[in-house]
Amino acid sequence: MILLCFGIHGFVNAQTEDSVSIYLPFGTDTTCPGVQLDFTAIESNDTAIGSTFRWFVNGIYTGVSIDTFHSSALVNGDIVTAKVYYMSSGGFIDSAESNSITVYRSTAIMPHVLNSITAGSNPDCPGHPITFSAYPINGGTAPLYYWYIDGMPVFGATSSSFTSIFGDGDTVSVMMVSNSTCAFPTDTAYSNGIEVIHDSLTATLTMSVFHNPICEGYADTFSAVVTDAGLGSTIYWYVNGVHVPGAIGPMYVTDSLHNTDIVYCMLVAPDSCVINDTTISSSITMTVIPNITPTASIVLTSGANPGCIDSVITFTATYGSSGTTPDFIWLLNDTVIATGTTIHTQSYADGDLLKFRVRTTDGGCYTSDSVTTPAVLMVRDSTPVAPLVSLIDNMLVANTAGTYVWYFNGVIIPGANAQTYHPGAMGYYYAVRDTGNCQSRPSNVIYISLLDVKNIAGSNVKIYPNPTTGLLTFDWGSDKVNAHLTVYNVVGQVMKQEEIINRSSYEADLSMLPAGNYVVSLKNEDGSVSTHKVLLSK
C-alpha cells in the first residue's frame, strides 16, 4: 500500500508502508499431532517506530504480541497469520498483515534426512577436512544418526554432523532413526550420498590499489585477492622488486611511495595439491604527485597602523600555490568577518587581531589544505582633539601638553615636536598633536608677518626649579636687568604680570595659579623678548 499525504499546497510526501512475513523452520511444514510449532515474524522495514505484533489462528487473536509464536495445540487445517502495528514516518498509526500458513497434521509421516557439506570444499585437495551435516524431517525430538562411507558404517560417527579427511571418490551418507510418534510406515530414513572429489588446484592472485594517482606522503592501500591457494598460503609485498619488511598478508598500507614506484605482491602456496606454489601478481606503477605549499600574506594599503580608532584601514592579501578557485577568508579575533575577496576595509578596536586565510578547493596535492597569515595586531588610539595654537610674544604655543608636529606653509618642520615653537620665517604655521599612534586634525593657522623682535640673551638667564610647586627663580648671574614679566596660560591669557627693576635675580610666586603648563615672557625696556615654558605642579 502507498500512503500519500496532501496539504494545502498539493503533494507533500509519499511512503511505502511496512510489511510482515511469517515462516516455519525447515522440515516442519507437516508434523505429528501435538508437536510444538515455532513461527517467526519478520518486518520488511526495521526502521519503523514502535512496532508491535499480534498472532491469529483462524482469524482469532491468540493473545501473543511478540515476533514469535509457539504452539502445540494446533490441529490439521488451522491457518496462522500475524499483523504488525507501527508508526509511519508521517506520524500515523498503520498496520500490515502477513502471509498465511496452513497447519498440516498427520499420524503417518515418512521420516526423511538430507545430507549437506557445511565446512570445507568439494572438489578440494587431498588431506583437507570436510564437514557433512544431517537435516532431519520428522526426526522427532531425539533422532539417532549413523554415518556411512561407501555404504559402510563409520564407528563412533553418531552425531548430526561428521568431519573427517576423506579419500578421492568416497561417498558419504547418513542414516537417521526417528523417534517421532507418527513415523510410519518406518522410523528409518537414508540420506543422499555425496561423492568426495580430489583434484589439483591452480592458485590465482590479483591486486588493486585504492588511490592512483596519489599525493606525496598520503597513505594508500593495496589489496590482494587469492583463490584456490590451499592451506598455509602467504602473500608478500614488493616495491621496485624489493620485499617490504613486515608487509605480509592480503593488505598493504603505506605512505612512503614515490613517483614511478612499482608495486606488486607474491603468493607462496606450500599446499602439495596446488600446482603453482609461487604466483606473482600484475604490477602497478604509481603516480605520486609532489605536494606544494600554499602561501598567503597581507599588507596595509590604506590608512595607518598604529592609528586612530575611528579611521578606516584597507588591507590587501596576496597568495600563491593555492590552485584554482581557492576560498578567501578574513578573520577578526578568529571570527570570520568576510569571504571571497583579497581586499578588506574597515575600522578596528585597539588590540584587534586580523588574519587572512586561503583554502584550496581543487583537490590538488598540498602540504596543507589551508594557510593562515600571522595575526596583525591593531594598535588604535582615540583621535586627539585638534590643538589651539596661540602666539605669545615670539613663541607659538599649543594649548595642551604632548608631542606635536609643526608645519610651515604646509610642510613638516623637521625636529619641531614640542608644545612650543619659535617661528624663524614669515609664513603660515599650524600644529598637529601626535600621540605616537594617532594624530589630531590640524590646529588653527597663524600667519607670522613680523620677525624683528630682539631676544634677551635667553641662554644667560637660569630659571629654576622647573617644574615648580609655586616659587620660580630667575637668575642672570652678575648681570642686572630691567624687565617686564608676564605669565600666560597655554591659550594666551595673561595670568600674572610683574616688573623686575635692576635685579640680577628675581623670585616670582605662581602658587596662586592652577597647576598646569604656562609660558613666561621676559621683555626688557628696549623691547627684546624671551619666552620660556614652565610647568606648575602641586
Protein backbone atom coordinates (compact mmCIF):
# COMPACT_ATOMS: atom_id res chain seq x y z
CA MET A 1 0.00 0.00 0.00
CA ILE A 2 1.25 3.53 -0.85
CA LEU A 3 0.39 6.26 1.63
CA LEU A 4 0.06 9.72 0.06
CA CYS A 5 -0.08 12.84 2.23
CA PHE A 6 -1.54 16.06 0.78
CA GLY A 7 -1.59 19.59 2.22
CA ILE A 8 -2.99 22.89 1.06
CA HIS A 9 -0.16 23.23 -1.48
CA GLY A 10 -0.68 19.79 -3.06
CA PHE A 11 1.62 16.75 -2.89
CA VAL A 12 3.74 16.64 0.27
CA ASN A 13 5.13 13.14 0.78
CA ALA A 14 4.86 9.51 -0.31
CA GLN A 15 5.95 6.44 1.58
CA THR A 16 5.72 2.67 1.36
CA GLU A 17 4.16 1.09 4.42
CA ASP A 18 5.84 -1.62 6.48
CA SER A 19 5.05 -5.26 5.77
CA VAL A 20 5.48 -8.54 7.69
CA SER A 21 6.01 -12.19 6.71
CA ILE A 22 5.95 -15.36 8.82
CA TYR A 23 7.70 -18.70 8.38
CA LEU A 24 8.29 -22.14 10.00
CA PRO A 25 11.69 -23.81 10.41
CA PHE A 26 12.78 -26.15 7.61
CA GLY A 27 11.09 -29.54 7.66
CA THR A 28 8.18 -28.63 9.96
CA ASP A 29 5.55 -27.95 7.32
CA THR A 30 3.98 -31.37 8.08
CA THR A 31 4.05 -32.62 11.68
CA CYS A 32 2.60 -35.10 14.09
CA PRO A 33 -0.38 -34.09 16.21
CA GLY A 34 0.70 -32.36 19.44
CA VAL A 35 4.17 -31.37 18.20
CA GLN A 36 5.09 -27.75 19.03
CA LEU A 37 5.37 -25.47 16.03
CA ASP A 38 7.58 -22.37 16.18
CA PHE A 39 6.50 -19.45 13.95
CA THR A 40 8.64 -16.32 13.41
CA ALA A 41 7.56 -12.92 12.03
CA ILE A 42 9.93 -10.59 10.15
CA GLU A 43 9.27 -6.93 9.28
CA SER A 44 10.29 -5.57 5.89
CA ASN A 45 11.19 -2.18 7.43
CA ASP A 46 13.36 -2.47 10.54
CA THR A 47 13.35 1.32 10.98
CA ALA A 48 9.64 1.50 11.73
CA ILE A 49 8.92 3.13 15.08
CA GLY A 50 7.10 1.37 17.94
CA SER A 51 6.28 -1.90 16.13
CA THR A 52 4.06 -4.46 17.89
CA PHE A 53 2.79 -7.85 16.70
CA ARG A 54 -0.41 -9.88 17.05
CA TRP A 55 -0.81 -13.54 16.15
CA PHE A 56 -4.08 -15.04 14.89
CA VAL A 57 -5.29 -18.64 14.42
CA ASN A 58 -8.22 -18.93 12.02
CA GLY A 59 -8.68 -15.15 12.35
CA ILE A 60 -8.92 -15.19 16.16
CA TYR A 61 -6.35 -13.24 18.20
CA THR A 62 -4.24 -15.61 20.34
CA GLY A 63 -3.10 -13.00 22.86
CA VAL A 64 0.55 -13.32 21.71
CA SER A 65 2.04 -9.88 20.88
CA ILE A 66 5.77 -10.56 20.20
CA ASP A 67 7.54 -11.52 16.98
CA THR A 68 7.42 -15.32 17.68
CA PHE A 69 4.51 -17.72 18.25
CA HIS A 70 4.86 -21.22 19.77
CA SER A 71 2.02 -23.71 19.98
CA SER A 72 1.48 -27.48 20.30
CA ALA A 73 -2.34 -27.18 20.24
CA LEU A 74 -2.72 -26.53 16.53
CA VAL A 75 -4.68 -29.10 14.53
CA ASN A 76 -4.75 -30.04 10.88
CA GLY A 77 -6.15 -27.24 8.73
CA ASP A 78 -5.57 -24.38 11.21
CA ILE A 79 -4.48 -21.15 9.49
CA VAL A 80 -1.90 -18.96 11.23
CA THR A 81 -1.36 -15.26 10.40
CA ALA A 82 0.26 -12.24 12.06
CA LYS A 83 -0.21 -8.47 11.99
CA VAL A 84 2.34 -5.74 12.65
CA TYR A 85 1.28 -2.36 14.02
CA TYR A 86 3.70 0.57 13.64
CA MET A 87 4.06 4.35 13.47
CA SER A 88 4.62 5.56 9.90
CA SER A 89 7.14 8.26 9.01
CA GLY A 90 4.20 10.61 8.56
CA GLY A 91 3.29 10.17 12.23
CA PHE A 92 0.26 7.92 11.66
CA ILE A 93 -0.53 4.52 13.22
CA ASP A 94 -0.62 1.87 10.48
CA SER A 95 -0.70 -1.92 10.23
CA ALA A 96 0.13 -4.74 7.82
CA GLU A 97 -0.97 -8.39 7.66
CA SER A 98 1.38 -11.30 6.92
CA ASN A 99 1.08 -14.30 4.62
CA SER A 100 -0.88 -17.26 5.99
CA ILE A 101 0.48 -20.72 6.87
CA THR A 102 -1.86 -23.73 6.91
CA VAL A 103 -1.02 -26.40 9.51
CA TYR A 104 -0.80 -29.98 8.25
CA ARG A 105 -1.01 -32.72 10.90
CA SER A 106 -0.76 -36.44 10.16
CA THR A 107 -0.50 -39.67 12.16
CA ALA A 108 1.61 -41.30 9.43
CA ILE A 109 4.58 -39.28 8.15
CA MET A 110 7.54 -40.90 6.46
CA PRO A 111 10.86 -39.64 8.02
CA HIS A 112 13.45 -38.06 5.70
CA VAL A 113 17.01 -36.85 6.14
CA LEU A 114 19.15 -34.58 3.93
CA ASN A 115 22.97 -34.58 3.76
CA SER A 116 24.94 -31.41 3.00
CA ILE A 117 28.56 -30.13 3.18
CA THR A 118 28.75 -27.33 5.77
CA ALA A 119 32.55 -26.83 6.02
CA GLY A 120 35.36 -27.41 3.54
CA SER A 121 35.27 -27.59 -0.24
CA ASN A 122 34.36 -30.23 -2.77
CA PRO A 123 36.25 -30.66 -5.06
CA ASP A 124 39.34 -29.99 -2.95
CA CYS A 125 42.91 -31.06 -2.36
CA PRO A 126 43.68 -34.37 -0.70
CA GLY A 127 44.16 -34.14 3.05
CA HIS A 128 41.70 -31.28 3.61
CA PRO A 129 38.89 -31.93 6.12
CA ILE A 130 35.24 -31.74 5.10
CA THR A 131 32.24 -31.45 7.42
CA PHE A 132 28.89 -33.08 6.50
CA SER A 133 25.65 -32.22 8.35
CA ALA A 134 22.29 -34.02 8.54
CA TYR A 135 18.97 -32.15 8.27
CA PRO A 136 16.02 -34.29 9.61
CA ILE A 137 12.40 -34.14 8.53
CA ASN A 138 10.02 -35.72 11.08
CA GLY A 139 13.00 -36.92 13.05
CA GLY A 140 11.26 -36.44 16.38
CA THR A 141 12.77 -34.89 19.47
CA ALA A 142 15.93 -37.06 19.58
CA PRO A 143 16.73 -38.78 16.31
CA LEU A 144 19.72 -41.15 16.02
CA TYR A 145 22.36 -40.70 13.29
CA TYR A 146 24.72 -43.21 11.71
CA TRP A 147 27.27 -42.08 9.11
CA TYR A 148 28.45 -44.26 6.20
CA ILE A 149 31.37 -44.12 3.78
CA ASP A 150 30.77 -46.13 0.60
CA GLY A 151 27.89 -47.88 2.37
CA MET A 152 29.99 -48.98 5.34
CA PRO A 153 29.16 -47.56 8.81
CA VAL A 154 31.81 -45.36 10.45
CA PHE A 155 32.43 -46.40 14.02
CA GLY A 156 31.58 -43.65 16.54
CA ALA A 157 30.11 -41.25 13.92
CA THR A 158 26.67 -40.87 15.52
CA SER A 159 26.09 -37.09 15.81
CA SER A 160 24.20 -34.78 13.47
CA SER A 161 27.50 -33.74 11.78
CA PHE A 162 30.56 -35.68 10.65
CA THR A 163 34.05 -34.24 9.99
CA SER A 164 36.94 -36.21 8.55
CA ILE A 165 39.64 -36.36 5.85
CA PHE A 166 38.27 -38.44 3.02
CA GLY A 167 39.72 -40.32 0.09
CA ASP A 168 39.12 -39.45 -3.54
CA GLY A 169 35.80 -41.00 -4.66
CA ASP A 170 34.50 -41.66 -1.13
CA THR A 171 30.70 -41.40 -0.98
CA VAL A 172 29.34 -40.09 2.33
CA SER A 173 25.75 -40.64 3.52
CA VAL A 174 23.80 -40.78 6.79
CA MET A 175 21.05 -42.97 8.21
CA MET A 176 18.54 -41.44 10.63
CA VAL A 177 16.31 -43.30 13.07
CA SER A 178 13.37 -41.10 14.07
CA ASN A 179 11.70 -41.17 17.48
CA SER A 180 8.67 -39.29 16.15
CA THR A 181 5.32 -40.67 17.35
CA CYS A 182 3.92 -40.53 13.81
CA ALA A 183 6.84 -42.02 11.88
CA PHE A 184 5.17 -44.51 9.52
CA PRO A 185 5.48 -46.92 7.83
CA THR A 186 9.10 -46.93 9.09
CA ASP A 187 11.17 -44.94 11.53
CA THR A 188 14.37 -45.16 9.45
CA ALA A 189 15.46 -42.78 6.65
CA TYR A 190 18.55 -42.73 4.39
CA SER A 191 20.09 -39.55 3.04
CA ASN A 192 21.52 -38.74 -0.33
CA GLY A 193 25.17 -39.70 -0.90
CA ILE A 194 27.84 -37.08 -1.69
CA GLU A 195 30.99 -38.12 -3.57
CA VAL A 196 34.26 -36.59 -2.41
CA ILE A 197 36.41 -35.42 -5.33
CA HIS A 198 40.13 -34.71 -5.01
CA ASP A 199 41.79 -32.50 -7.58
CA SER A 200 44.84 -30.29 -8.00
CA LEU A 201 44.41 -26.54 -7.55
CA THR A 202 45.77 -23.64 -9.58
CA ALA A 203 46.17 -20.62 -7.35
CA THR A 204 45.30 -17.16 -8.69
CA LEU A 205 46.41 -13.79 -7.32
CA THR A 206 45.04 -10.37 -8.25
CA MET A 207 45.71 -6.99 -6.66
CA SER A 208 44.25 -3.49 -6.69
CA VAL A 209 45.10 -0.08 -5.22
CA PHE A 210 42.72 2.41 -3.64
CA HIS A 211 44.38 5.62 -4.95
CA ASN A 212 46.46 6.11 -8.09
CA PRO A 213 47.48 8.92 -8.67
CA ILE A 214 48.06 9.93 -5.05
CA CYS A 215 49.60 12.91 -3.27
CA GLU A 216 53.08 12.52 -1.82
CA GLY A 217 53.03 11.41 1.82
CA TYR A 218 49.39 10.28 1.77
CA ALA A 219 48.53 6.71 2.87
CA ASP A 220 47.49 4.29 0.15
CA THR A 221 46.02 0.79 0.46
CA PHE A 222 46.82 -2.20 -1.77
CA SER A 223 44.59 -5.29 -1.62
CA ALA A 224 45.20 -8.83 -2.86
CA VAL A 225 42.56 -11.45 -3.71
CA VAL A 226 43.56 -15.14 -3.68
CA THR A 227 41.67 -18.16 -4.98
CA ASP A 228 42.50 -21.89 -4.77
CA ALA A 229 45.66 -21.43 -2.71
CA GLY A 230 45.11 -24.43 -0.43
CA LEU A 231 46.25 -24.33 3.18
CA GLY A 232 49.01 -22.18 4.68
CA SER A 233 49.48 -19.70 1.83
CA THR A 234 51.26 -16.35 2.42
CA ILE A 235 51.28 -13.06 0.48
CA TYR A 236 54.44 -10.92 0.35
CA TRP A 237 54.55 -7.30 -0.94
CA TYR A 238 57.29 -5.76 -3.08
CA VAL A 239 58.20 -2.20 -4.11
CA ASN A 240 60.60 -1.86 -7.04
CA GLY A 241 61.47 -5.55 -6.73
CA VAL A 242 62.45 -5.35 -3.04
CA HIS A 243 60.38 -7.09 -0.38
CA VAL A 244 58.94 -4.62 2.12
CA PRO A 245 59.85 -5.84 5.64
CA GLY A 246 56.76 -6.78 7.59
CA ALA A 247 54.44 -6.35 4.59
CA ILE A 248 52.77 -9.76 4.70
CA GLY A 249 49.09 -10.54 4.19
CA PRO A 250 46.22 -9.61 1.88
CA MET A 251 46.57 -5.85 2.53
CA TYR A 252 49.50 -3.44 2.33
CA VAL A 253 49.20 0.17 3.59
CA THR A 254 51.98 2.70 3.05
CA ASP A 255 52.55 6.47 2.95
CA SER A 256 56.15 6.35 1.67
CA LEU A 257 55.69 5.81 -2.06
CA HIS A 258 57.48 7.87 -4.70
CA ASN A 259 56.60 8.68 -8.26
CA THR A 260 57.05 5.70 -10.70
CA ASP A 261 57.41 3.19 -7.83
CA ILE A 262 56.31 -0.28 -8.97
CA VAL A 263 54.24 -2.33 -6.51
CA TYR A 264 53.29 -5.99 -6.78
CA CYS A 265 52.72 -8.98 -4.49
CA MET A 266 53.75 -12.63 -4.49
CA LEU A 267 51.73 -15.63 -3.28
CA VAL A 268 53.57 -18.61 -1.78
CA ALA A 269 51.28 -21.68 -1.58
CA PRO A 270 53.01 -24.64 0.16
CA ASP A 271 49.98 -26.96 -0.05
CA SER A 272 51.04 -30.02 -2.09
CA CYS A 273 47.87 -30.03 -4.18
CA VAL A 274 48.49 -26.51 -5.51
CA ILE A 275 50.19 -26.76 -8.88
CA ASN A 276 51.75 -23.30 -8.86
CA ASP A 277 53.35 -22.89 -5.45
CA THR A 278 54.59 -19.35 -6.30
CA THR A 279 52.45 -16.78 -8.10
CA ILE A 280 53.26 -13.11 -8.79
CA SER A 281 50.53 -10.58 -9.37
CA SER A 282 50.48 -7.96 -12.08
CA SER A 283 52.32 -4.78 -11.07
CA ILE A 284 51.02 -1.26 -10.55
CA THR A 285 53.16 1.76 -11.43
CA MET A 286 52.36 4.58 -9.04
CA THR A 287 51.89 8.22 -9.97
CA VAL A 288 52.86 10.20 -6.87
CA ILE A 289 52.28 13.95 -7.14
CA PRO A 290 54.61 16.25 -5.15
CA ASN A 291 52.87 18.46 -2.61
CA ILE A 292 53.08 22.22 -2.92
CA THR A 293 52.84 24.65 -0.03
CA PRO A 294 50.20 27.40 -0.22
CA THR A 295 51.34 30.88 0.83
CA ALA A 296 49.50 33.97 1.98
CA SER A 297 50.39 37.43 3.29
CA ILE A 298 48.64 40.73 3.94
CA VAL A 299 49.85 44.31 3.66
CA LEU A 300 48.31 47.60 4.75
CA THR A 301 47.45 49.51 1.59
CA SER A 302 45.42 52.40 3.01
CA GLY A 303 45.36 54.04 6.46
CA ALA A 304 47.88 53.66 9.26
CA ASN A 305 48.64 51.18 12.00
CA PRO A 306 49.23 52.39 14.69
CA GLY A 307 46.46 54.85 14.02
CA CYS A 308 43.24 56.45 15.16
CA ILE A 309 40.45 54.24 16.43
CA ASP A 310 37.85 55.81 14.16
CA SER A 311 39.94 55.67 10.99
CA VAL A 312 39.30 53.17 8.20
CA ILE A 313 42.10 50.82 7.14
CA THR A 314 42.42 48.72 3.99
CA PHE A 315 44.44 45.51 3.90
CA THR A 316 45.27 43.66 0.69
CA ALA A 317 46.09 39.94 0.69
CA THR A 318 48.37 38.10 -1.70
CA TYR A 319 48.54 34.33 -2.08
CA GLY A 320 50.38 31.67 -4.04
CA SER A 321 50.37 27.93 -4.84
CA SER A 322 46.72 27.60 -3.86
CA GLY A 323 45.33 26.02 -7.02
CA THR A 324 42.26 27.17 -8.90
CA THR A 325 39.32 28.98 -7.28
CA PRO A 326 40.61 28.96 -3.68
CA ASP A 327 38.45 30.27 -0.83
CA PHE A 328 39.42 33.60 0.79
CA ILE A 329 38.55 34.19 4.44
CA TRP A 330 39.21 37.22 6.68
CA LEU A 331 39.19 36.61 10.42
CA LEU A 332 38.97 39.21 13.19
CA ASN A 333 39.83 37.76 16.60
CA ASP A 334 39.39 34.29 14.98
CA THR A 335 35.82 35.07 13.84
CA VAL A 336 35.02 35.14 10.13
CA ILE A 337 34.21 38.71 9.03
CA ALA A 338 34.48 38.48 5.24
CA THR A 339 34.89 35.87 2.49
CA GLY A 340 35.52 35.75 -1.23
CA THR A 341 37.82 38.78 -1.52
CA THR A 342 41.51 39.63 -1.15
CA ILE A 343 40.81 43.24 -0.14
CA HIS A 344 39.17 44.20 3.14
CA THR A 345 38.37 47.65 4.52
CA GLN A 346 37.00 48.57 7.95
CA SER A 347 37.85 50.29 11.25
CA TYR A 348 39.25 48.39 14.24
CA ALA A 349 39.41 48.49 18.01
CA ASP A 350 42.68 48.62 19.91
CA GLY A 351 44.06 45.10 20.37
CA ASP A 352 42.11 43.54 17.48
CA LEU A 353 43.89 40.66 15.69
CA LEU A 354 43.38 40.42 11.93
CA LYS A 355 44.23 37.32 9.86
CA PHE A 356 43.72 36.18 6.28
CA ARG A 357 43.23 32.54 5.28
CA VAL A 358 43.34 30.96 1.84
CA ARG A 359 41.86 27.48 1.47
CA THR A 360 42.36 25.20 -1.53
CA THR A 361 39.29 23.71 -3.20
CA ASP A 362 40.52 21.90 -6.33
CA GLY A 363 41.56 18.62 -4.64
CA GLY A 364 45.20 19.04 -5.62
CA CYS A 365 48.24 17.97 -3.67
CA TYR A 366 49.21 20.42 -0.92
CA THR A 367 51.20 20.25 2.29
CA SER A 368 48.12 21.79 3.90
CA ASP A 369 44.62 22.44 2.61
CA SER A 370 44.74 25.98 4.00
CA VAL A 371 47.25 28.57 5.19
CA THR A 372 46.62 31.47 7.56
CA THR A 373 48.74 34.60 7.83
CA PRO A 374 50.23 35.67 11.17
CA ALA A 375 47.87 37.93 13.07
CA VAL A 376 48.27 41.69 12.63
CA LEU A 377 47.87 43.47 15.97
CA MET A 378 45.82 46.63 15.56
CA VAL A 379 47.12 49.48 17.74
CA ARG A 380 44.49 52.20 17.93
CA ASP A 381 44.18 55.41 19.97
CA SER A 382 41.28 57.77 20.38
CA THR A 383 41.67 60.71 17.99
CA PRO A 384 43.10 63.71 19.94
CA VAL A 385 41.22 67.00 19.90
CA ALA A 386 42.67 69.46 17.41
CA PRO A 387 45.01 71.81 19.33
CA LEU A 388 44.59 75.58 19.64
CA VAL A 389 47.81 77.47 18.83
CA SER A 390 48.49 80.93 20.27
CA LEU A 391 51.29 83.41 19.56
CA ILE A 392 52.69 84.50 22.89
CA ASP A 393 55.25 87.21 22.26
CA ASN A 394 57.64 85.46 19.88
CA MET A 395 56.58 81.86 20.64
CA LEU A 396 53.87 79.66 19.12
CA VAL A 397 52.24 77.67 21.95
CA ALA A 398 49.79 74.74 21.69
CA ASN A 399 47.13 74.62 24.36
CA THR A 400 47.71 71.05 25.61
CA ALA A 401 50.83 69.24 26.65
CA GLY A 402 52.11 66.48 24.42
CA THR A 403 54.09 65.74 21.30
CA TYR A 404 53.41 67.81 18.21
CA VAL A 405 54.24 68.00 14.54
CA TRP A 406 54.70 71.64 13.43
CA TYR A 407 54.09 72.75 9.86
CA PHE A 408 55.38 75.80 7.97
CA ASN A 409 53.50 76.67 4.78
CA GLY A 410 52.05 73.11 4.79
CA VAL A 411 55.44 71.36 5.13
CA ILE A 412 56.59 69.47 8.24
CA ILE A 413 59.29 71.30 10.20
CA PRO A 414 61.91 68.59 10.97
CA GLY A 415 62.56 68.10 14.69
CA ALA A 416 59.79 70.51 15.77
CA ASN A 417 57.92 68.21 18.18
CA ALA A 418 57.49 70.31 21.37
CA GLN A 419 54.38 72.03 22.64
CA THR A 420 56.03 75.36 21.68
CA TYR A 421 57.84 76.59 18.59
CA HIS A 422 59.81 79.77 17.83
CA PRO A 423 58.97 80.77 14.26
CA GLY A 424 62.04 81.62 12.21
CA ALA A 425 60.47 82.90 8.99
CA MET A 426 57.42 84.77 7.85
CA GLY A 427 54.59 82.50 6.73
CA TYR A 428 51.78 80.20 7.83
CA TYR A 429 52.16 77.94 10.88
CA TYR A 430 49.97 75.27 12.39
CA ALA A 431 50.42 72.12 14.52
CA VAL A 432 49.06 68.56 14.77
CA ARG A 433 49.10 66.68 18.06
CA ASP A 434 50.73 63.25 17.77
CA THR A 435 50.09 60.52 20.39
CA GLY A 436 52.52 58.20 18.67
CA ASN A 437 49.63 56.07 17.36
CA CYS A 438 47.24 58.74 16.19
CA GLN A 439 47.33 62.36 15.03
CA SER A 440 44.73 65.05 15.60
CA ARG A 441 43.22 67.23 12.97
CA PRO A 442 45.28 70.38 12.23
CA SER A 443 45.14 73.33 14.59
CA ASN A 444 44.21 76.85 13.64
CA VAL A 445 46.65 78.57 11.28
CA ILE A 446 48.71 81.57 12.47
CA TYR A 447 50.40 83.88 9.98
CA ILE A 448 53.72 85.36 11.18
CA SER A 449 54.47 88.68 9.47
CA LEU A 450 56.98 90.39 11.84
CA LEU A 451 60.24 88.79 12.95
CA ASP A 452 62.44 91.74 14.02
CA VAL A 453 61.87 91.34 17.75
CA LYS A 454 65.20 91.19 19.60
CA ASN A 455 65.88 88.47 22.14
CA ILE A 456 67.30 88.98 25.56
CA ALA A 457 70.13 86.52 25.83
CA GLY A 458 67.83 83.78 26.97
CA SER A 459 70.71 81.46 27.46
CA ASN A 460 72.07 83.87 30.12
CA VAL A 461 69.07 83.55 32.42
CA LYS A 462 68.60 80.48 34.56
CA ILE A 463 65.04 79.60 35.58
CA TYR A 464 64.51 77.13 38.37
CA PRO A 465 63.01 74.97 39.68
CA ASN A 466 61.12 73.78 36.60
CA PRO A 467 58.74 72.08 37.26
CA THR A 468 57.91 74.23 40.28
CA THR A 469 55.40 73.97 43.08
CA GLY A 470 54.96 77.77 43.21
CA LEU A 471 58.20 79.77 43.58
CA LEU A 472 60.12 80.34 40.34
CA THR A 473 63.61 81.91 40.44
CA PHE A 474 65.17 83.92 37.55
CA ASP A 475 68.96 84.25 37.79
CA TRP A 476 71.09 86.45 35.42
CA GLY A 477 74.32 85.85 37.34
CA SER A 478 76.37 89.10 37.54
CA ASP A 479 74.15 90.98 35.05
CA LYS A 480 71.45 93.28 36.29
CA VAL A 481 68.37 93.73 34.13
CA ASN A 482 65.17 95.71 33.92
CA ALA A 483 62.36 93.57 32.54
CA HIS A 484 58.60 93.12 32.39
CA LEU A 485 57.50 89.59 33.49
CA THR A 486 54.27 88.21 32.01
CA VAL A 487 52.85 84.72 32.74
CA TYR A 488 50.45 83.31 30.12
CA ASN A 489 48.37 80.17 30.14
CA VAL A 490 48.55 77.92 27.06
CA VAL A 491 45.70 79.73 25.33
CA GLY A 492 47.46 83.09 25.61
CA GLN A 493 45.57 84.55 28.55
CA VAL A 494 47.63 86.80 30.88
CA MET A 495 47.67 85.18 34.34
CA LYS A 496 50.30 87.33 36.11
CA GLN A 497 52.45 90.46 35.42
CA GLU A 498 55.37 91.87 37.42
CA GLU A 499 58.14 94.42 36.92
CA ILE A 500 61.79 93.48 37.52
CA ILE A 501 63.93 96.59 38.26
CA ASN A 502 67.74 96.44 38.26
CA ARG A 503 67.87 92.86 39.50
CA SER A 504 70.37 90.06 38.87
CA SER A 505 67.90 87.54 40.34
CA TYR A 506 64.18 87.53 40.90
CA GLU A 507 61.66 85.18 42.54
CA ALA A 508 58.10 85.00 41.16
CA ASP A 509 55.33 83.35 43.16
CA LEU A 510 52.99 81.27 40.96
CA SER A 511 51.41 79.34 43.81
CA MET A 512 48.05 81.08 43.35
CA LEU A 513 47.73 79.75 39.81
CA PRO A 514 46.19 76.38 38.94
CA ALA A 515 48.57 73.52 38.19
CA GLY A 516 49.45 73.22 34.52
CA ASN A 517 51.68 74.48 31.71
CA TYR A 518 52.48 78.19 31.45
CA VAL A 519 54.56 80.45 29.22
CA VAL A 520 56.74 83.05 30.93
CA SER A 521 57.69 86.10 28.86
CA LEU A 522 60.59 88.44 29.76
CA LYS A 523 60.56 91.78 27.88
CA ASN A 524 63.20 94.42 28.65
CA GLU A 525 62.94 98.15 28.18
CA ASP A 526 64.23 98.15 24.59
CA GLY A 527 61.57 95.60 23.50
CA SER A 528 63.75 92.48 23.44
CA VAL A 529 61.75 89.38 24.42
CA SER A 530 62.44 85.82 25.52
CA THR A 531 59.78 83.18 26.30
CA HIS A 532 60.05 80.07 28.42
CA LYS A 533 57.75 77.11 29.08
CA VAL A 534 57.15 76.38 32.79
CA LEU A 535 55.26 73.52 34.45
CA LEU A 536 53.44 74.35 37.70
CA SER A 537 52.94 71.16 39.69
CA LYS A 538 51.09 70.93 43.00
